[in-house]
Each structure stands twice: as C-alpha cells, then as structure tokens.
N, C-alpha and C. Protein backbone atom coordinates (compact mmCIF):
# COMPACT_ATOMS: atom_id res chain seq x y z
N MET A 1 0.84 -1.18 0.00
CA MET A 1 0.00 0.00 0.00
C MET A 1 0.89 1.24 0.00
N THR A 2 0.52 2.21 -0.80
CA THR A 2 1.27 3.45 -0.87
C THR A 2 0.46 4.56 -0.22
N ILE A 3 1.13 5.37 0.64
CA ILE A 3 0.46 6.51 1.25
C ILE A 3 1.07 7.78 0.68
N ARG A 4 0.28 8.83 0.65
CA ARG A 4 0.73 10.13 0.15
C ARG A 4 1.03 11.02 1.34
N PHE A 5 2.19 11.69 1.31
CA PHE A 5 2.62 12.51 2.43
C PHE A 5 3.13 13.83 1.89
N ASP A 6 2.56 14.94 2.36
CA ASP A 6 2.99 16.28 1.94
C ASP A 6 4.21 16.67 2.76
N ILE A 7 5.37 16.89 2.10
CA ILE A 7 6.60 17.19 2.84
C ILE A 7 6.56 18.56 3.50
N GLY A 8 5.58 19.38 3.16
CA GLY A 8 5.43 20.66 3.84
C GLY A 8 4.85 20.48 5.24
N ASN A 9 4.23 19.33 5.54
CA ASN A 9 3.62 19.04 6.82
C ASN A 9 4.61 18.25 7.67
N GLN A 10 5.47 18.92 8.42
CA GLN A 10 6.51 18.28 9.21
C GLN A 10 5.98 17.60 10.48
N SER A 11 4.76 17.92 10.90
CA SER A 11 4.26 17.39 12.17
C SER A 11 3.96 15.89 12.10
N ALA A 12 3.76 15.35 10.93
CA ALA A 12 3.40 13.93 10.80
C ALA A 12 4.61 13.05 10.50
N LEU A 13 5.82 13.56 10.72
CA LEU A 13 7.03 12.81 10.39
C LEU A 13 7.13 11.50 11.17
N ALA A 14 6.80 11.50 12.45
CA ALA A 14 6.87 10.28 13.27
C ALA A 14 5.92 9.21 12.73
N GLU A 15 4.73 9.63 12.32
CA GLU A 15 3.77 8.67 11.75
C GLU A 15 4.30 8.13 10.42
N LEU A 16 4.91 9.00 9.64
CA LEU A 16 5.47 8.59 8.36
C LEU A 16 6.53 7.51 8.54
N VAL A 17 7.44 7.72 9.47
CA VAL A 17 8.51 6.74 9.72
C VAL A 17 7.93 5.44 10.25
N ALA A 18 6.94 5.52 11.11
CA ALA A 18 6.30 4.32 11.66
C ALA A 18 5.64 3.50 10.55
N ARG A 19 4.99 4.17 9.61
CA ARG A 19 4.35 3.45 8.50
C ARG A 19 5.38 2.81 7.59
N MET A 20 6.52 3.51 7.38
CA MET A 20 7.57 2.93 6.57
C MET A 20 8.16 1.70 7.25
N GLU A 21 8.35 1.77 8.56
CA GLU A 21 8.86 0.62 9.31
C GLU A 21 7.90 -0.56 9.23
N ALA A 22 6.62 -0.28 9.08
CA ALA A 22 5.61 -1.34 8.97
C ALA A 22 5.58 -1.94 7.57
N GLY A 23 6.35 -1.36 6.63
CA GLY A 23 6.44 -1.95 5.30
C GLY A 23 5.68 -1.22 4.21
N GLU A 24 5.12 -0.06 4.50
CA GLU A 24 4.36 0.68 3.49
C GLU A 24 5.28 1.54 2.63
N ASP A 25 4.91 1.71 1.36
CA ASP A 25 5.60 2.64 0.48
C ASP A 25 5.03 4.03 0.73
N VAL A 26 5.87 5.05 0.66
CA VAL A 26 5.44 6.41 0.93
C VAL A 26 5.73 7.28 -0.29
N LEU A 27 4.71 7.96 -0.77
CA LEU A 27 4.83 8.87 -1.89
C LEU A 27 4.94 10.28 -1.34
N LEU A 28 6.09 10.92 -1.54
CA LEU A 28 6.30 12.28 -1.04
C LEU A 28 5.84 13.28 -2.10
N THR A 29 5.05 14.26 -1.67
CA THR A 29 4.53 15.26 -2.60
C THR A 29 4.79 16.65 -2.06
N ARG A 30 4.81 17.62 -2.98
CA ARG A 30 4.90 19.04 -2.62
C ARG A 30 3.89 19.76 -3.49
N ASP A 31 2.92 20.41 -2.85
CA ASP A 31 1.86 21.13 -3.56
C ASP A 31 1.13 20.22 -4.55
N GLY A 32 0.91 18.96 -4.17
CA GLY A 32 0.19 18.03 -5.02
C GLY A 32 1.03 17.35 -6.08
N GLU A 33 2.28 17.75 -6.25
CA GLU A 33 3.17 17.16 -7.25
C GLU A 33 4.05 16.11 -6.58
N THR A 34 4.19 14.96 -7.21
CA THR A 34 5.03 13.90 -6.67
C THR A 34 6.49 14.30 -6.72
N VAL A 35 7.18 14.13 -5.58
CA VAL A 35 8.60 14.46 -5.49
C VAL A 35 9.43 13.18 -5.45
N ALA A 36 8.98 12.18 -4.68
CA ALA A 36 9.76 10.94 -4.54
C ALA A 36 8.87 9.81 -4.03
N LEU A 37 9.29 8.61 -4.29
CA LEU A 37 8.67 7.41 -3.73
C LEU A 37 9.70 6.77 -2.82
N VAL A 38 9.35 6.61 -1.55
CA VAL A 38 10.25 6.03 -0.56
C VAL A 38 9.71 4.67 -0.18
N MET A 39 10.59 3.64 -0.30
CA MET A 39 10.17 2.28 0.00
C MET A 39 11.07 1.73 1.10
N PRO A 40 10.53 0.87 1.97
CA PRO A 40 11.37 0.26 3.01
C PRO A 40 12.38 -0.68 2.37
N PRO A 41 13.53 -0.89 3.00
CA PRO A 41 14.53 -1.79 2.43
C PRO A 41 14.03 -3.23 2.39
N GLN A 42 14.46 -3.96 1.37
CA GLN A 42 14.09 -5.36 1.25
C GLN A 42 14.97 -6.19 2.18
N PRO A 43 14.40 -7.19 2.83
CA PRO A 43 15.22 -8.02 3.71
C PRO A 43 16.26 -8.78 2.87
N THR A 44 17.45 -8.93 3.41
CA THR A 44 18.52 -9.64 2.72
C THR A 44 19.01 -10.78 3.58
N LEU A 45 19.59 -11.76 2.93
CA LEU A 45 20.17 -12.88 3.65
C LEU A 45 21.50 -12.44 4.26
N PRO A 46 21.85 -12.98 5.39
CA PRO A 46 23.16 -12.64 5.96
C PRO A 46 24.27 -13.07 5.01
N LYS A 47 25.36 -12.30 4.97
CA LYS A 47 26.47 -12.65 4.09
C LYS A 47 27.07 -13.98 4.52
N GLY A 48 27.51 -14.71 3.51
CA GLY A 48 28.14 -15.99 3.79
C GLY A 48 27.15 -17.14 3.85
N ARG A 49 25.87 -16.87 3.85
CA ARG A 49 24.86 -17.92 3.91
C ARG A 49 24.32 -18.14 2.50
N ARG A 50 24.12 -19.36 2.13
CA ARG A 50 23.57 -19.68 0.82
C ARG A 50 22.14 -20.13 0.95
N GLN A 51 21.37 -19.75 -0.03
CA GLN A 51 19.96 -20.15 -0.04
C GLN A 51 19.79 -21.22 -1.11
N LEU A 52 19.36 -22.40 -0.70
CA LEU A 52 19.19 -23.49 -1.64
C LEU A 52 17.98 -23.27 -2.53
N GLY A 53 18.08 -23.68 -3.78
CA GLY A 53 16.95 -23.64 -4.69
C GLY A 53 16.71 -22.31 -5.35
N VAL A 54 17.67 -21.41 -5.33
CA VAL A 54 17.48 -20.08 -5.90
C VAL A 54 17.28 -20.16 -7.41
N TRP A 55 17.96 -21.11 -8.08
CA TRP A 55 17.91 -21.19 -9.54
C TRP A 55 16.96 -22.28 -10.04
N GLU A 56 16.16 -22.88 -9.19
CA GLU A 56 15.29 -23.98 -9.61
C GLU A 56 14.28 -23.56 -10.65
N HIS A 57 13.85 -22.31 -10.65
CA HIS A 57 12.84 -21.86 -11.62
C HIS A 57 13.38 -21.85 -13.05
N LEU A 58 14.71 -21.95 -13.23
CA LEU A 58 15.30 -21.97 -14.57
C LEU A 58 15.30 -23.36 -15.19
N ASN A 59 15.01 -24.39 -14.41
CA ASN A 59 14.97 -25.78 -14.88
C ASN A 59 16.25 -26.18 -15.60
N LEU A 60 17.39 -25.85 -15.03
CA LEU A 60 18.67 -26.21 -15.62
C LEU A 60 18.95 -27.68 -15.39
N LYS A 61 19.42 -28.36 -16.41
CA LYS A 61 19.77 -29.79 -16.31
C LYS A 61 21.29 -29.90 -16.28
N LEU A 62 21.88 -29.72 -15.12
CA LEU A 62 23.32 -29.77 -14.97
C LEU A 62 23.74 -31.11 -14.41
N PRO A 63 24.84 -31.69 -14.94
CA PRO A 63 25.30 -32.97 -14.38
C PRO A 63 25.78 -32.79 -12.95
N ASP A 64 25.66 -33.85 -12.17
CA ASP A 64 26.02 -33.79 -10.76
C ASP A 64 27.51 -33.50 -10.56
N ASP A 65 28.37 -33.97 -11.48
CA ASP A 65 29.81 -33.78 -11.31
C ASP A 65 30.34 -32.59 -12.11
N LEU A 66 29.49 -31.63 -12.41
CA LEU A 66 29.88 -30.50 -13.25
C LEU A 66 31.08 -29.74 -12.69
N PHE A 67 31.09 -29.48 -11.42
CA PHE A 67 32.16 -28.70 -10.81
C PHE A 67 33.19 -29.57 -10.09
N ILE A 68 32.99 -30.87 -10.09
CA ILE A 68 33.89 -31.77 -9.37
C ILE A 68 34.76 -32.56 -10.35
N GLY A 69 34.19 -32.99 -11.47
CA GLY A 69 34.90 -33.83 -12.43
C GLY A 69 35.98 -33.07 -13.18
N PRO A 70 36.84 -33.81 -13.90
CA PRO A 70 37.91 -33.18 -14.67
C PRO A 70 37.35 -32.42 -15.88
N ASP A 71 38.09 -31.43 -16.31
CA ASP A 71 37.70 -30.64 -17.47
C ASP A 71 38.25 -31.32 -18.72
N PRO A 72 37.38 -31.78 -19.64
CA PRO A 72 37.87 -32.49 -20.82
C PRO A 72 38.78 -31.64 -21.70
N GLU A 73 38.54 -30.35 -21.78
CA GLU A 73 39.39 -29.49 -22.60
C GLU A 73 40.80 -29.42 -22.03
N LEU A 74 40.92 -29.33 -20.71
CA LEU A 74 42.25 -29.29 -20.09
C LEU A 74 42.96 -30.63 -20.22
N GLU A 75 42.22 -31.73 -20.08
CA GLU A 75 42.82 -33.05 -20.23
C GLU A 75 43.36 -33.24 -21.64
N ALA A 76 42.67 -32.72 -22.65
CA ALA A 76 43.12 -32.86 -24.04
C ALA A 76 44.41 -32.08 -24.28
N GLU A 77 44.64 -31.02 -23.54
CA GLU A 77 45.83 -30.20 -23.72
C GLU A 77 47.03 -30.67 -22.89
N MET A 78 46.86 -31.66 -22.05
CA MET A 78 47.93 -32.09 -21.16
C MET A 78 49.17 -32.59 -21.89
N ASP A 79 49.01 -33.25 -23.04
CA ASP A 79 50.14 -33.82 -23.76
C ASP A 79 50.78 -32.83 -24.72
N ASN A 80 50.19 -31.71 -24.97
CA ASN A 80 50.74 -30.71 -25.86
C ASN A 80 51.84 -29.93 -25.16
N PRO A 81 52.78 -29.34 -25.92
CA PRO A 81 53.84 -28.55 -25.30
C PRO A 81 53.27 -27.28 -24.66
N ILE A 82 53.96 -26.82 -23.62
CA ILE A 82 53.52 -25.61 -22.93
C ILE A 82 53.68 -24.40 -23.82
N PHE A 83 54.83 -24.31 -24.50
CA PHE A 83 55.08 -23.21 -25.42
C PHE A 83 54.96 -23.75 -26.83
N PRO A 84 54.04 -23.24 -27.64
CA PRO A 84 53.81 -23.79 -28.98
C PRO A 84 55.06 -23.77 -29.86
N ASP A 85 56.01 -22.87 -29.63
CA ASP A 85 57.20 -22.77 -30.47
C ASP A 85 58.19 -23.91 -30.20
N GLU A 86 58.00 -24.71 -29.14
CA GLU A 86 58.92 -25.79 -28.82
C GLU A 86 58.99 -26.82 -29.95
N GLU A 87 57.89 -27.07 -30.63
CA GLU A 87 57.87 -28.05 -31.72
C GLU A 87 58.65 -27.54 -32.92
N LEU A 88 58.63 -26.22 -33.17
CA LEU A 88 59.25 -25.65 -34.36
C LEU A 88 60.72 -25.31 -34.16
N ALA A 89 61.15 -25.21 -32.93
CA ALA A 89 62.53 -24.80 -32.67
C ALA A 89 63.49 -25.91 -33.08
N PRO A 90 64.62 -25.55 -33.71
CA PRO A 90 65.62 -26.57 -34.10
C PRO A 90 66.30 -27.16 -32.86
N LYS A 91 66.54 -28.43 -32.91
CA LYS A 91 67.19 -29.12 -31.78
C LYS A 91 68.70 -29.12 -32.02
N ASN A 92 69.46 -28.85 -30.98
CA ASN A 92 70.94 -28.83 -31.10
C ASN A 92 71.52 -30.16 -30.73
C-alpha cells in the first residue's frame, strides 16, 4: 500500500517513519506534485549464507559432477607442449 505525504507538513514525520517501518511505500509530494517514492529496504540474507533452490525456476539440467569432475578441454591439452614454439625450434 502506498500513502501520500505532503513534505510541507513536518508534524506527521513520526507517523510517516512508523508506517515505513511497517512496510508501506510512501509517496512524497509538494503542492500536489510527486517528489519521490520512498520504500522500506528489502530483507537480505546474511552474508556468507547460501539459499538453496534459488535457480530452480530456470529448470537447468546440470550434471552432478559439473564442478567436481575433470575438465575435458584441459585433459586434451595435457600432452601438448607448454610453449607452442617448442615443436618448431631446431634441436641442437
């Protein structure tokens, strides 16, 4: 719910803050013209905590060992020289 508050009326500031703390959006006006929309902050998860199932709505079909198993591209490069010019350099 959005309430309209005239910023010229300073006496209702305590009520305004109380309504914002209760979760209401506040539309600030001056002489009937909208000046700003003030919304309470959205609750956030504490840092370092993970929320399971955040990406479930995307229906991703990822293999279970995606981040654990070996990388096939890196395995294919294991036998190649580190510096590509090593193959072309003349041997003494």
